[in-house]
Amino acid sequence: MIDRLTLTGDRLYVERLVVDVPELGAGTAGGTVFEVLQNGATLYPSSAEDDQRPRFAFDAAELAHTHGVPEIRELRRGDEITFATV
């Protein structure tokens, strides 16, 4: 888990998910996939068929993913939002 927060406003609509990593990891293959969960459920429920979650290859030159649009976009007061890597 990277971070977790609880929404205190009435509603939040996610227009775009931006992930910006400050430095390259130490991996030698594969990549890093980022996950956002709403009360334990992914904002990308179709990820098993068409995975649109933000990701970086282990040797990516640019560590900013700025075009992610999650499938679940409405968050409500009291929702626990968790940011993690898969």
C-alpha atoms as a PDB file:
ATOM      1  CA  MET A   1       0.000   0.000   0.000  1.00  0.00           C
ATOM      2  CA  ILE A   2       1.242   3.462  -0.894  1.00  0.00           C
ATOM      3  CA  ASP A   3      -1.376   5.565   0.877  1.00  0.00           C
ATOM      4  CA  ARG A   4      -4.980   5.569   2.092  1.00  0.00           C
ATOM      5  CA  LEU A   5      -7.495   8.351   2.672  1.00  0.00           C
ATOM      6  CA  THR A   6     -11.138   8.746   3.622  1.00  0.00           C
ATOM      7  CA  LEU A   7     -13.296  11.192   1.682  1.00  0.00           C
ATOM      8  CA  THR A   8     -14.888  13.913   3.783  1.00  0.00           C
ATOM      9  CA  GLY A   9     -16.695  15.855   1.029  1.00  0.00           C
ATOM     10  CA  ASP A  10     -20.095  14.836  -0.326  1.00  0.00           C
ATOM     11  CA  ARG A  11     -18.883  13.553  -3.708  1.00  0.00           C
ATOM     12  CA  LEU A  12     -15.762  13.494  -5.801  1.00  0.00           C
ATOM     13  CA  TYR A  13     -15.727  12.769  -9.528  1.00  0.00           C
ATOM     14  CA  VAL A  14     -12.464  11.431 -10.914  1.00  0.00           C
ATOM     15  CA  GLU A  15     -11.784  12.868 -14.357  1.00  0.00           C
ATOM     16  CA  ARG A  16      -8.284  11.526 -14.772  1.00  0.00           C
ATOM     17  CA  LEU A  17      -5.770   9.596 -12.715  1.00  0.00           C
ATOM     18  CA  VAL A  18      -2.194  10.919 -12.778  1.00  0.00           C
ATOM     19  CA  VAL A  19       0.714   8.895 -11.397  1.00  0.00           C
ATOM     20  CA  ASP A  20       4.120  10.565 -11.138  1.00  0.00           C
ATOM     21  CA  VAL A  21       6.974   8.502  -9.680  1.00  0.00           C
ATOM     22  CA  PRO A  22       9.999  10.437  -8.385  1.00  0.00           C
ATOM     23  CA  GLU A  23      12.626   7.832  -9.324  1.00  0.00           C
ATOM     24  CA  LEU A  24      13.106   4.565 -11.160  1.00  0.00           C
ATOM     25  CA  GLY A  25      12.896   1.395  -9.070  1.00  0.00           C
ATOM     26  CA  ALA A  26      15.539  -1.291  -8.849  1.00  0.00           C
ATOM     27  CA  GLY A  27      13.778  -3.921 -10.964  1.00  0.00           C
ATOM     28  CA  THR A  28      15.416  -5.698 -13.892  1.00  0.00           C
ATOM     29  CA  ALA A  29      12.312  -6.926 -15.731  1.00  0.00           C
ATOM     30  CA  GLY A  30       8.552  -6.506 -15.923  1.00  0.00           C
ATOM     31  CA  GLY A  31       6.955  -3.369 -14.595  1.00  0.00           C
ATOM     32  CA  THR A  32       4.890  -1.700 -11.913  1.00  0.00           C
ATOM     33  CA  VAL A  33       1.098  -1.515 -12.070  1.00  0.00           C
ATOM     34  CA  PHE A  34      -0.750   0.987  -9.897  1.00  0.00           C
ATOM     35  CA  GLU A  35      -4.117   0.203  -8.338  1.00  0.00           C
ATOM     36  CA  VAL A  36      -6.737   2.512  -6.848  1.00  0.00           C
ATOM     37  CA  LEU A  37      -9.351   0.909  -4.596  1.00  0.00           C
ATOM     38  CA  GLN A  38     -12.665   2.292  -3.346  1.00  0.00           C
ATOM     39  CA  ASN A  39     -13.625   0.488  -0.138  1.00  0.00           C
ATOM     40  CA  GLY A  40     -11.449  -2.445  -1.218  1.00  0.00           C
ATOM     41  CA  ALA A  41     -12.808  -2.710  -4.795  1.00  0.00           C
ATOM     42  CA  THR A  42     -10.827  -1.604  -7.840  1.00  0.00           C
ATOM     43  CA  LEU A  43     -11.764   1.469  -9.868  1.00  0.00           C
ATOM     44  CA  TYR A  44     -10.829  -0.698 -12.888  1.00  0.00           C
ATOM     45  CA  PRO A  45     -13.245  -3.689 -12.714  1.00  0.00           C
ATOM     46  CA  SER A  46     -12.483  -4.759 -16.315  1.00  0.00           C
ATOM     47  CA  SER A  47      -8.746  -5.036 -15.653  1.00  0.00           C
ATOM     48  CA  ALA A  48      -8.806  -8.825 -16.163  1.00  0.00           C
ATOM     49  CA  GLU A  49      -9.988  -8.360 -19.771  1.00  0.00           C
ATOM     50  CA  ASP A  50      -8.619  -4.901 -20.689  1.00  0.00           C
ATOM     51  CA  ASP A  51      -6.169  -3.601 -18.119  1.00  0.00           C
ATOM     52  CA  GLN A  52      -6.105   0.219 -18.231  1.00  0.00           C
ATOM     53  CA  ARG A  53      -4.492   0.726 -14.830  1.00  0.00           C
ATOM     54  CA  PRO A  54      -1.473   3.066 -14.798  1.00  0.00           C
ATOM     55  CA  ARG A  55       1.789   1.180 -15.299  1.00  0.00           C
ATOM     56  CA  PHE A  56       5.498   1.675 -15.916  1.00  0.00           C
ATOM     57  CA  ALA A  57       8.007  -0.691 -17.496  1.00  0.00           C
ATOM     58  CA  PHE A  58      11.012  -1.405 -15.266  1.00  0.00           C
ATOM     59  CA  ASP A  59      13.232   0.633 -17.608  1.00  0.00           C
ATOM     60  CA  ALA A  60      10.790   3.465 -18.428  1.00  0.00           C
ATOM     61  CA  ALA A  61      12.481   6.763 -19.243  1.00  0.00           C
ATOM     62  CA  GLU A  62       9.436   8.811 -18.209  1.00  0.00           C
ATOM     63  CA  LEU A  63       7.771   8.049 -14.888  1.00  0.00           C
ATOM     64  CA  ALA A  64       4.539   9.976 -15.343  1.00  0.00           C
ATOM     65  CA  HIS A  65       1.247   8.391 -16.425  1.00  0.00           C
ATOM     66  CA  THR A  66      -1.202  11.197 -17.173  1.00  0.00           C
ATOM     67  CA  HIS A  67      -3.930   9.658 -19.322  1.00  0.00           C
ATOM     68  CA  GLY A  68      -5.593   7.178 -16.978  1.00  0.00           C
ATOM     69  CA  VAL A  69      -9.388   7.282 -16.783  1.00  0.00           C
ATOM     70  CA  PRO A  70     -10.845   4.800 -14.294  1.00  0.00           C
ATOM     71  CA  GLU A  71     -14.116   2.989 -15.010  1.00  0.00           C
ATOM     72  CA  ILE A  72     -15.573   3.861 -11.593  1.00  0.00           C
ATOM     73  CA  ARG A  73     -15.483   7.648 -11.393  1.00  0.00           C
ATOM     74  CA  GLU A  74     -17.840   8.683  -8.589  1.00  0.00           C
ATOM     75  CA  LEU A  75     -16.577   8.599  -5.010  1.00  0.00           C
ATOM     76  CA  ARG A  76     -18.741   9.436  -1.985  1.00  0.00           C
ATOM     77  CA  ARG A  77     -18.320  10.726   1.555  1.00  0.00           C
ATOM     78  CA  GLY A  78     -16.888   8.064   3.838  1.00  0.00           C
ATOM     79  CA  ASP A  79     -15.309   6.028   1.016  1.00  0.00           C
ATOM     80  CA  GLU A  80     -11.869   4.740   1.865  1.00  0.00           C
ATOM     81  CA  ILE A  81      -9.541   5.231  -1.113  1.00  0.00           C
ATOM     82  CA  THR A  82      -6.374   3.136  -1.216  1.00  0.00           C
ATOM     83  CA  PHE A  83      -3.428   3.637  -3.563  1.00  0.00           C
ATOM     84  CA  ALA A  84      -1.227   0.582  -4.088  1.00  0.00           C
ATOM     85  CA  THR A  85       1.062  -1.239  -6.501  1.00  0.00           C
ATOM     86  CA  VAL A  86       0.232  -4.657  -7.874  1.00  0.00           C
END
